[in-house]
Amino acid sequence: MGGESTTGTAPRGGTATTAPVGTRTGQRLSGLAVALGLVLFLGGFVWGAVVYRPYTVPTDSMTPTIGAGDRILAQRVDGAEVRRGDVVVFKDATWADAPMVKRVVAVGGDKVSCCEDGKLTVNGKEIDEPYLPAGKAAESSGFANVTVPEGRLFLLGDERRTSLDSTAHLTDAAGGTVARSAVDARVDSVVWPMDGMLPRPTGFADLGALSSPGPLRTILWAVAVGVVLILAGAAYGPVAKRAARTRARRESAGAG
């Protein structure tokens, strides 16, 4: 009397019951876990689809940070949010009629040049760029001081020797710069191969605040926790049923 547990076994002299297995509390908690898991799982995917855009990088101009054929996730951002060191996806008709991926090394009002001691210089400060190919920084294409107009960006590939970047467009009317409005997204992660989140461009920190990481890690955690909750909730019934059968066998053996 008063017990909440049902076993689903056949009562003596009767037929098997079809009542739910386990306690009512357990059943409610398992249902809640599945519901919450579905919310986190589906919500994470929807959030990711709204915030991020997938791209495939066709060239090796961002090697070794991003290789040719790599698949990336880029957070949709307004060009006004872009800061030095960001890797961005943009489209500029004077460069190519397709999305391109480059690194922002200077913003409106900055003076940028290359290369003193094999390093990029922005506003008189030499920039430490550990993401460049090992031992290749000094091979970057040299260029004299460029003053970036307000509202525009100076962009370079991490593979400086072959990248068709701002240095290849210095003779353009805009001096190789790209309008902030041309930026569609900021790259957060390389998802294939699974290289993970891009390293923080700390060499630009002394020139101003860096961009905050996007919500990708939070989204992935939401999806992962959702999967765990769904599996745990769904497993309650079979586990409780097996436990009930084991208990019934023990009771039967004890009675015999």
C-alpha atoms as a PDB file:
ATOM      1  CA  MET A   1       0.000   0.000   0.000  1.00  0.00           C
ATOM      2  CA  GLY A   2       1.099   3.512  -0.759  1.00  0.00           C
ATOM      3  CA  GLY A   3       4.014   2.316  -2.934  1.00  0.00           C
ATOM      4  CA  GLU A   4       4.714   4.075  -6.258  1.00  0.00           C
ATOM      5  CA  SER A   5       6.744   1.322  -7.899  1.00  0.00           C
ATOM      6  CA  THR A   6       5.294  -0.916 -10.578  1.00  0.00           C
ATOM      7  CA  THR A   7       7.215  -3.788 -12.038  1.00  0.00           C
ATOM      8  CA  GLY A   8       5.334  -4.739 -15.162  1.00  0.00           C
ATOM      9  CA  THR A   9       5.499  -8.438 -14.073  1.00  0.00           C
ATOM     10  CA  ALA A  10       2.566 -10.839 -14.048  1.00  0.00           C
ATOM     11  CA  PRO A  11       0.688 -10.983 -10.719  1.00  0.00           C
ATOM     12  CA  ARG A  12       0.060 -14.462  -9.323  1.00  0.00           C
ATOM     13  CA  GLY A  13      -2.890 -16.002 -11.176  1.00  0.00           C
ATOM     14  CA  GLY A  14      -3.223 -13.012 -13.527  1.00  0.00           C
ATOM     15  CA  THR A  15      -1.788 -11.509 -16.696  1.00  0.00           C
ATOM     16  CA  ALA A  16       1.174  -9.134 -17.023  1.00  0.00           C
ATOM     17  CA  THR A  17       0.484  -5.506 -16.204  1.00  0.00           C
ATOM     18  CA  THR A  18       1.165  -2.737 -18.705  1.00  0.00           C
ATOM     19  CA  ALA A  19       1.665   0.045 -16.175  1.00  0.00           C
ATOM     20  CA  PRO A  20       4.718   2.270 -16.651  1.00  0.00           C
ATOM     21  CA  VAL A  21       7.902   0.940 -15.112  1.00  0.00           C
ATOM     22  CA  GLY A  22       9.564   2.813 -12.253  1.00  0.00           C
ATOM     23  CA  THR A  23       8.303   5.364  -9.770  1.00  0.00           C
ATOM     24  CA  ARG A  24       6.065   8.231 -10.771  1.00  0.00           C
ATOM     25  CA  THR A  25       8.792  10.628  -9.659  1.00  0.00           C
ATOM     26  CA  GLY A  26      11.327   8.851 -11.843  1.00  0.00           C
ATOM     27  CA  GLN A  27       8.980   8.897 -14.805  1.00  0.00           C
ATOM     28  CA  ARG A  28       8.357  12.602 -14.380  1.00  0.00           C
ATOM     29  CA  LEU A  29      12.057  13.380 -14.040  1.00  0.00           C
ATOM     30  CA  SER A  30      12.915  11.293 -17.098  1.00  0.00           C
ATOM     31  CA  GLY A  31      10.227  13.067 -19.124  1.00  0.00           C
ATOM     32  CA  LEU A  32      11.515  16.435 -17.917  1.00  0.00           C
ATOM     33  CA  ALA A  33      15.093  15.466 -18.849  1.00  0.00           C
ATOM     34  CA  VAL A  34      14.030  14.483 -22.372  1.00  0.00           C
ATOM     35  CA  ALA A  35      12.003  17.687 -22.822  1.00  0.00           C
ATOM     36  CA  LEU A  36      14.810  19.912 -21.548  1.00  0.00           C
ATOM     37  CA  GLY A  37      17.318  17.987 -23.642  1.00  0.00           C
ATOM     38  CA  LEU A  38      15.257  18.535 -26.793  1.00  0.00           C
ATOM     39  CA  VAL A  39      15.020  22.255 -26.033  1.00  0.00           C
ATOM     40  CA  LEU A  40      18.799  22.548 -25.598  1.00  0.00           C
ATOM     41  CA  PHE A  41      19.605  20.320 -28.574  1.00  0.00           C
ATOM     42  CA  LEU A  42      17.234  21.936 -31.066  1.00  0.00           C
ATOM     43  CA  GLY A  43      17.720  25.403 -29.598  1.00  0.00           C
ATOM     44  CA  GLY A  44      21.488  25.075 -29.981  1.00  0.00           C
ATOM     45  CA  PHE A  45      21.170  24.156 -33.640  1.00  0.00           C
ATOM     46  CA  VAL A  46      18.725  26.992 -34.333  1.00  0.00           C
ATOM     47  CA  TRP A  47      20.929  29.483 -32.460  1.00  0.00           C
ATOM     48  CA  GLY A  48      23.958  28.331 -34.426  1.00  0.00           C
ATOM     49  CA  ALA A  49      22.114  28.602 -37.752  1.00  0.00           C
ATOM     50  CA  VAL A  50      21.047  32.155 -36.941  1.00  0.00           C
ATOM     51  CA  VAL A  51      24.424  33.378 -35.658  1.00  0.00           C
ATOM     52  CA  TYR A  52      26.894  31.487 -37.871  1.00  0.00           C
ATOM     53  CA  ARG A  53      27.514  30.917 -41.557  1.00  0.00           C
ATOM     54  CA  PRO A  54      29.589  28.041 -42.964  1.00  0.00           C
ATOM     55  CA  TYR A  55      32.208  28.677 -45.645  1.00  0.00           C
ATOM     56  CA  THR A  56      34.744  26.614 -47.531  1.00  0.00           C
ATOM     57  CA  VAL A  57      38.051  28.427 -48.077  1.00  0.00           C
ATOM     58  CA  PRO A  58      39.231  27.882 -51.676  1.00  0.00           C
ATOM     59  CA  THR A  59      42.841  29.119 -51.429  1.00  0.00           C
ATOM     60  CA  ASP A  60      45.872  28.793 -49.164  1.00  0.00           C
ATOM     61  CA  SER A  61      46.255  32.555 -48.595  1.00  0.00           C
ATOM     62  CA  MET A  62      45.443  32.118 -44.877  1.00  0.00           C
ATOM     63  CA  THR A  63      47.824  29.187 -44.312  1.00  0.00           C
ATOM     64  CA  PRO A  64      48.625  27.897 -41.719  1.00  0.00           C
ATOM     65  CA  THR A  65      45.665  29.372 -39.816  1.00  0.00           C
ATOM     66  CA  ILE A  66      43.202  28.161 -42.449  1.00  0.00           C
ATOM     67  CA  GLY A  67      44.171  25.852 -45.283  1.00  0.00           C
ATOM     68  CA  ALA A  68      42.747  25.483 -48.768  1.00  0.00           C
ATOM     69  CA  GLY A  69      39.575  23.417 -48.614  1.00  0.00           C
ATOM     70  CA  ASP A  70      39.057  23.963 -44.878  1.00  0.00           C
ATOM     71  CA  ARG A  71      35.501  24.478 -43.695  1.00  0.00           C
ATOM     72  CA  ILE A  72      35.003  27.359 -41.286  1.00  0.00           C
ATOM     73  CA  LEU A  73      32.237  28.840 -39.166  1.00  0.00           C
ATOM     74  CA  ALA A  74      31.976  32.616 -39.245  1.00  0.00           C
ATOM     75  CA  GLN A  75      29.796  34.697 -36.954  1.00  0.00           C
ATOM     76  CA  ARG A  76      27.511  37.133 -38.724  1.00  0.00           C
ATOM     77  CA  VAL A  77      28.640  40.602 -37.643  1.00  0.00           C
ATOM     78  CA  ASP A  78      28.271  44.180 -38.714  1.00  0.00           C
ATOM     79  CA  GLY A  79      31.422  45.683 -40.211  1.00  0.00           C
ATOM     80  CA  ALA A  80      31.415  48.297 -37.455  1.00  0.00           C
ATOM     81  CA  GLU A  81      32.162  45.517 -34.925  1.00  0.00           C
ATOM     82  CA  VAL A  82      35.385  44.420 -36.625  1.00  0.00           C
ATOM     83  CA  ARG A  83      38.674  45.026 -34.804  1.00  0.00           C
ATOM     84  CA  ARG A  84      42.371  44.557 -35.494  1.00  0.00           C
ATOM     85  CA  GLY A  85      43.434  40.927 -35.675  1.00  0.00           C
ATOM     86  CA  ASP A  86      40.015  39.588 -36.712  1.00  0.00           C
ATOM     87  CA  VAL A  87      39.824  37.099 -39.569  1.00  0.00           C
ATOM     88  CA  VAL A  88      36.851  38.194 -41.650  1.00  0.00           C
ATOM     89  CA  VAL A  89      34.767  37.111 -44.610  1.00  0.00           C
ATOM     90  CA  PHE A  90      34.081  39.957 -47.013  1.00  0.00           C
ATOM     91  CA  LYS A  91      33.123  40.652 -50.594  1.00  0.00           C
ATOM     92  CA  ASP A  92      34.521  43.553 -52.582  1.00  0.00           C
ATOM     93  CA  ALA A  93      33.802  43.925 -56.291  1.00  0.00           C
ATOM     94  CA  THR A  94      37.278  45.328 -57.005  1.00  0.00           C
ATOM     95  CA  TRP A  95      38.945  42.266 -55.471  1.00  0.00           C
ATOM     96  CA  ALA A  96      36.779  39.371 -56.646  1.00  0.00           C
ATOM     97  CA  ASP A  97      33.140  38.571 -57.179  1.00  0.00           C
ATOM     98  CA  ALA A  98      33.178  36.002 -54.372  1.00  0.00           C
ATOM     99  CA  PRO A  99      33.556  35.885 -50.576  1.00  0.00           C
ATOM    100  CA  MET A 100      37.170  36.178 -49.437  1.00  0.00           C
ATOM    101  CA  VAL A 101      38.863  35.470 -46.104  1.00  0.00           C
ATOM    102  CA  LYS A 102      41.637  37.759 -44.792  1.00  0.00           C
ATOM    103  CA  ARG A 103      42.952  39.164 -41.527  1.00  0.00           C
ATOM    104  CA  VAL A 104      42.282  42.759 -40.475  1.00  0.00           C
ATOM    105  CA  VAL A 105      45.623  44.338 -39.545  1.00  0.00           C
ATOM    106  CA  ALA A 106      44.616  48.003 -39.488  1.00  0.00           C
ATOM    107  CA  VAL A 107      41.426  50.046 -39.203  1.00  0.00           C
ATOM    108  CA  GLY A 108      40.417  53.593 -40.090  1.00  0.00           C
ATOM    109  CA  GLY A 109      42.994  56.170 -38.966  1.00  0.00           C
ATOM    110  CA  ASP A 110      45.824  53.638 -38.547  1.00  0.00           C
ATOM    111  CA  LYS A 111      49.203  53.893 -40.243  1.00  0.00           C
ATOM    112  CA  VAL A 112      50.467  50.499 -41.356  1.00  0.00           C
ATOM    113  CA  SER A 113      53.713  49.429 -43.028  1.00  0.00           C
ATOM    114  CA  CYS A 114      55.904  46.384 -43.576  1.00  0.00           C
ATOM    115  CA  CYS A 115      58.460  45.281 -42.715  1.00  0.00           C
ATOM    116  CA  GLU A 116      60.889  46.396 -40.019  1.00  0.00           C
ATOM    117  CA  ASP A 117      62.832  43.517 -38.504  1.00  0.00           C
ATOM    118  CA  GLY A 118      60.561  41.282 -40.580  1.00  0.00           C
ATOM    119  CA  LYS A 119      57.490  42.500 -38.685  1.00  0.00           C
ATOM    120  CA  LEU A 120      54.332  44.367 -39.554  1.00  0.00           C
ATOM    121  CA  THR A 121      54.155  47.845 -38.007  1.00  0.00           C
ATOM    122  CA  VAL A 122      50.890  49.542 -37.034  1.00  0.00           C
ATOM    123  CA  ASN A 123      50.938  53.046 -35.577  1.00  0.00           C
ATOM    124  CA  GLY A 124      54.657  52.672 -34.916  1.00  0.00           C
ATOM    125  CA  LYS A 125      54.276  49.397 -33.007  1.00  0.00           C
ATOM    126  CA  GLU A 126      55.775  46.158 -34.285  1.00  0.00           C
ATOM    127  CA  ILE A 127      53.136  43.450 -34.203  1.00  0.00           C
ATOM    128  CA  ASP A 128      53.888  39.961 -32.942  1.00  0.00           C
ATOM    129  CA  GLU A 129      52.101  37.536 -35.295  1.00  0.00           C
ATOM    130  CA  PRO A 130      52.634  33.934 -34.120  1.00  0.00           C
ATOM    131  CA  TYR A 131      50.008  32.672 -36.587  1.00  0.00           C
ATOM    132  CA  LEU A 132      52.257  33.364 -39.599  1.00  0.00           C
ATOM    133  CA  PRO A 133      54.096  30.437 -41.231  1.00  0.00           C
ATOM    134  CA  ALA A 134      57.132  29.580 -39.100  1.00  0.00           C
ATOM    135  CA  GLY A 135      60.180  31.575 -40.148  1.00  0.00           C
ATOM    136  CA  LYS A 136      58.352  33.269 -43.014  1.00  0.00           C
ATOM    137  CA  ALA A 137      57.374  36.618 -41.481  1.00  0.00           C
ATOM    138  CA  ALA A 138      60.389  38.374 -42.961  1.00  0.00           C
ATOM    139  CA  GLU A 139      59.364  37.256 -46.447  1.00  0.00           C
ATOM    140  CA  SER A 140      56.215  39.383 -46.391  1.00  0.00           C
ATOM    141  CA  SER A 141      55.759  41.801 -49.245  1.00  0.00           C
ATOM    142  CA  GLY A 142      57.183  45.141 -48.162  1.00  0.00           C
ATOM    143  CA  PHE A 143      55.208  48.367 -48.495  1.00  0.00           C
ATOM    144  CA  ALA A 144      55.613  51.918 -47.260  1.00  0.00           C
ATOM    145  CA  ASN A 145      53.337  53.660 -44.772  1.00  0.00           C
ATOM    146  CA  VAL A 146      49.655  53.466 -45.679  1.00  0.00           C
ATOM    147  CA  THR A 147      47.137  55.592 -43.809  1.00  0.00           C
ATOM    148  CA  VAL A 148      43.826  53.744 -43.681  1.00  0.00           C
ATOM    149  CA  PRO A 149      40.824  56.004 -44.413  1.00  0.00           C
ATOM    150  CA  GLU A 150      38.062  56.159 -41.828  1.00  0.00           C
ATOM    151  CA  GLY A 151      35.433  53.482 -42.286  1.00  0.00           C
ATOM    152  CA  ARG A 152      37.846  51.163 -44.101  1.00  0.00           C
ATOM    153  CA  LEU A 153      40.102  48.191 -43.292  1.00  0.00           C
ATOM    154  CA  PHE A 154      43.562  47.038 -44.351  1.00  0.00           C
ATOM    155  CA  LEU A 155      43.593  43.269 -44.882  1.00  0.00           C
ATOM    156  CA  LEU A 156      46.398  40.735 -45.241  1.00  0.00           C
ATOM    157  CA  GLY A 157      46.529  36.965 -45.672  1.00  0.00           C
ATOM    158  CA  ASP A 158      48.555  34.969 -43.157  1.00  0.00           C
ATOM    159  CA  GLU A 159      50.502  33.470 -46.075  1.00  0.00           C
ATOM    160  CA  ARG A 160      52.018  36.844 -46.966  1.00  0.00           C
ATOM    161  CA  ARG A 161      54.153  35.680 -49.896  1.00  0.00           C
ATOM    162  CA  THR A 162      51.281  34.581 -52.146  1.00  0.00           C
ATOM    163  CA  SER A 163      48.143  36.183 -50.734  1.00  0.00           C
ATOM    164  CA  LEU A 164      46.230  38.559 -53.019  1.00  0.00           C
ATOM    165  CA  ASP A 165      45.443  41.019 -50.258  1.00  0.00           C
ATOM    166  CA  SER A 166      45.639  44.765 -49.633  1.00  0.00           C
ATOM    167  CA  THR A 167      49.264  44.827 -50.784  1.00  0.00           C
ATOM    168  CA  ALA A 168      48.161  43.662 -54.239  1.00  0.00           C
ATOM    169  CA  HIS A 169      45.658  46.528 -54.474  1.00  0.00           C
ATOM    170  CA  LEU A 170      47.741  49.450 -53.200  1.00  0.00           C
ATOM    171  CA  THR A 171      47.369  51.287 -56.492  1.00  0.00           C
ATOM    172  CA  ASP A 172      43.564  51.166 -56.304  1.00  0.00           C
ATOM    173  CA  ALA A 173      41.706  54.385 -55.552  1.00  0.00           C
ATOM    174  CA  ALA A 174      41.123  53.165 -51.984  1.00  0.00           C
ATOM    175  CA  GLY A 175      44.805  52.313 -51.471  1.00  0.00           C
ATOM    176  CA  GLY A 176      44.152  48.612 -51.029  1.00  0.00           C
ATOM    177  CA  THR A 177      41.598  49.105 -48.263  1.00  0.00           C
ATOM    178  CA  VAL A 178      38.127  47.597 -48.018  1.00  0.00           C
ATOM    179  CA  ALA A 179      35.001  49.250 -46.644  1.00  0.00           C
ATOM    180  CA  ARG A 180      33.771  47.976 -43.284  1.00  0.00           C
ATOM    181  CA  SER A 181      30.375  47.501 -44.908  1.00  0.00           C
ATOM    182  CA  ALA A 182      31.894  44.830 -47.177  1.00  0.00           C
ATOM    183  CA  VAL A 183      32.402  42.514 -44.176  1.00  0.00           C
ATOM    184  CA  ASP A 184      29.755  39.812 -43.750  1.00  0.00           C
ATOM    185  CA  ALA A 185      31.175  37.695 -40.932  1.00  0.00           C
ATOM    186  CA  ARG A 186      34.055  37.092 -38.527  1.00  0.00           C
ATOM    187  CA  VAL A 187      35.693  33.655 -38.474  1.00  0.00           C
ATOM    188  CA  ASP A 188      35.504  31.846 -35.129  1.00  0.00           C
ATOM    189  CA  SER A 189      36.506  28.282 -35.871  1.00  0.00           C
ATOM    190  CA  VAL A 190      37.864  25.764 -38.361  1.00  0.00           C
ATOM    191  CA  VAL A 191      35.404  22.868 -38.181  1.00  0.00           C
ATOM    192  CA  TRP A 192      36.987  20.616 -40.816  1.00  0.00           C
ATOM    193  CA  PRO A 193      39.594  19.513 -40.187  1.00  0.00           C
ATOM    194  CA  MET A 194      38.634  19.941 -36.517  1.00  0.00           C
ATOM    195  CA  ASP A 195      41.273  22.534 -35.618  1.00  0.00           C
ATOM    196  CA  GLY A 196      38.897  24.316 -33.241  1.00  0.00           C
ATOM    197  CA  MET A 197      38.682  27.990 -32.338  1.00  0.00           C
ATOM    198  CA  LEU A 198      41.103  30.454 -33.913  1.00  0.00           C
ATOM    199  CA  PRO A 199      43.816  31.672 -31.506  1.00  0.00           C
ATOM    200  CA  ARG A 200      43.369  35.157 -30.081  1.00  0.00           C
ATOM    201  CA  PRO A 201      45.426  37.767 -32.008  1.00  0.00           C
ATOM    202  CA  THR A 202      47.110  39.056 -28.858  1.00  0.00           C
ATOM    203  CA  GLY A 203      49.797  40.968 -30.792  1.00  0.00           C
ATOM    204  CA  PHE A 204      47.208  43.705 -31.473  1.00  0.00           C
ATOM    205  CA  ALA A 205      46.064  44.043 -27.852  1.00  0.00           C
ATOM    206  CA  ASP A 206      48.224  47.099 -27.110  1.00  0.00           C
ATOM    207  CA  LEU A 207      46.501  49.006 -29.934  1.00  0.00           C
ATOM    208  CA  GLY A 208      43.001  48.568 -28.522  1.00  0.00           C
ATOM    209  CA  ALA A 209      40.482  46.007 -27.349  1.00  0.00           C
ATOM    210  CA  LEU A 210      40.231  42.729 -29.233  1.00  0.00           C
ATOM    211  CA  SER A 211      36.933  41.259 -30.385  1.00  0.00           C
ATOM    212  CA  SER A 212      35.160  39.049 -27.877  1.00  0.00           C
ATOM    213  CA  PRO A 213      34.820  35.386 -28.857  1.00  0.00           C
ATOM    214  CA  GLY A 214      31.491  34.430 -30.409  1.00  0.00           C
ATOM    215  CA  PRO A 215      28.967  32.119 -28.686  1.00  0.00           C
ATOM    216  CA  LEU A 216      30.149  28.972 -30.492  1.00  0.00           C
ATOM    217  CA  ARG A 217      31.435  27.237 -27.337  1.00  0.00           C
ATOM    218  CA  THR A 218      28.160  27.973 -25.533  1.00  0.00           C
ATOM    219  CA  ILE A 219      26.176  26.593 -28.472  1.00  0.00           C
ATOM    220  CA  LEU A 220      28.254  23.402 -28.551  1.00  0.00           C
ATOM    221  CA  TRP A 221      27.815  22.934 -24.804  1.00  0.00           C
ATOM    222  CA  ALA A 222      24.050  23.385 -25.138  1.00  0.00           C
ATOM    223  CA  VAL A 223      23.879  20.741 -27.870  1.00  0.00           C
ATOM    224  CA  ALA A 224      26.115  18.324 -25.922  1.00  0.00           C
ATOM    225  CA  VAL A 225      24.154  18.718 -22.672  1.00  0.00           C
ATOM    226  CA  GLY A 226      20.929  18.295 -24.638  1.00  0.00           C
ATOM    227  CA  VAL A 227      22.146  14.975 -26.053  1.00  0.00           C
ATOM    228  CA  VAL A 228      23.145  13.733 -22.585  1.00  0.00           C
ATOM    229  CA  LEU A 229      19.757  14.667 -21.095  1.00  0.00           C
ATOM    230  CA  ILE A 230      17.840  13.019 -23.933  1.00  0.00           C
ATOM    231  CA  LEU A 231      19.822   9.792 -23.616  1.00  0.00           C
ATOM    232  CA  ALA A 232      19.590   9.777 -19.816  1.00  0.00           C
ATOM    233  CA  GLY A 233      15.845  10.416 -19.850  1.00  0.00           C
ATOM    234  CA  ALA A 234      15.206   7.811 -22.522  1.00  0.00           C
ATOM    235  CA  ALA A 235      17.294   5.245 -20.629  1.00  0.00           C
ATOM    236  CA  TYR A 236      15.247   5.519 -17.434  1.00  0.00           C
ATOM    237  CA  GLY A 237      12.430   3.198 -18.607  1.00  0.00           C
ATOM    238  CA  PRO A 238      14.641   0.281 -19.736  1.00  0.00           C
ATOM    239  CA  VAL A 239      16.885   0.605 -16.670  1.00  0.00           C
ATOM    240  CA  ALA A 240      13.918   0.685 -14.270  1.00  0.00           C
ATOM    241  CA  LYS A 241      12.331  -2.276 -16.057  1.00  0.00           C
ATOM    242  CA  ARG A 242      15.506  -4.320 -15.771  1.00  0.00           C
ATOM    243  CA  ALA A 243      15.865  -3.400 -12.117  1.00  0.00           C
ATOM    244  CA  ALA A 244      12.244  -4.450 -11.481  1.00  0.00           C
ATOM    245  CA  ARG A 245      12.790  -7.826 -13.163  1.00  0.00           C
ATOM    246  CA  THR A 246      15.937  -8.417 -11.122  1.00  0.00           C
ATOM    247  CA  ARG A 247      14.087  -7.552  -7.924  1.00  0.00           C
ATOM    248  CA  ALA A 248      11.178  -9.826  -8.862  1.00  0.00           C
ATOM    249  CA  ARG A 249      13.541 -12.754  -9.493  1.00  0.00           C
ATOM    250  CA  ARG A 250      15.196 -12.234  -6.137  1.00  0.00           C
ATOM    251  CA  GLU A 251      11.851 -12.083  -4.360  1.00  0.00           C
ATOM    252  CA  SER A 252      10.736 -15.248  -6.180  1.00  0.00           C
ATOM    253  CA  ALA A 253      13.927 -17.051  -5.220  1.00  0.00           C
ATOM    254  CA  GLY A 254      13.544 -15.953  -1.626  1.00  0.00           C
ATOM    255  CA  ALA A 255       9.939 -17.173  -1.487  1.00  0.00           C
ATOM    256  CA  GLY A 256      11.008 -20.553  -2.862  1.00  0.00           C
END
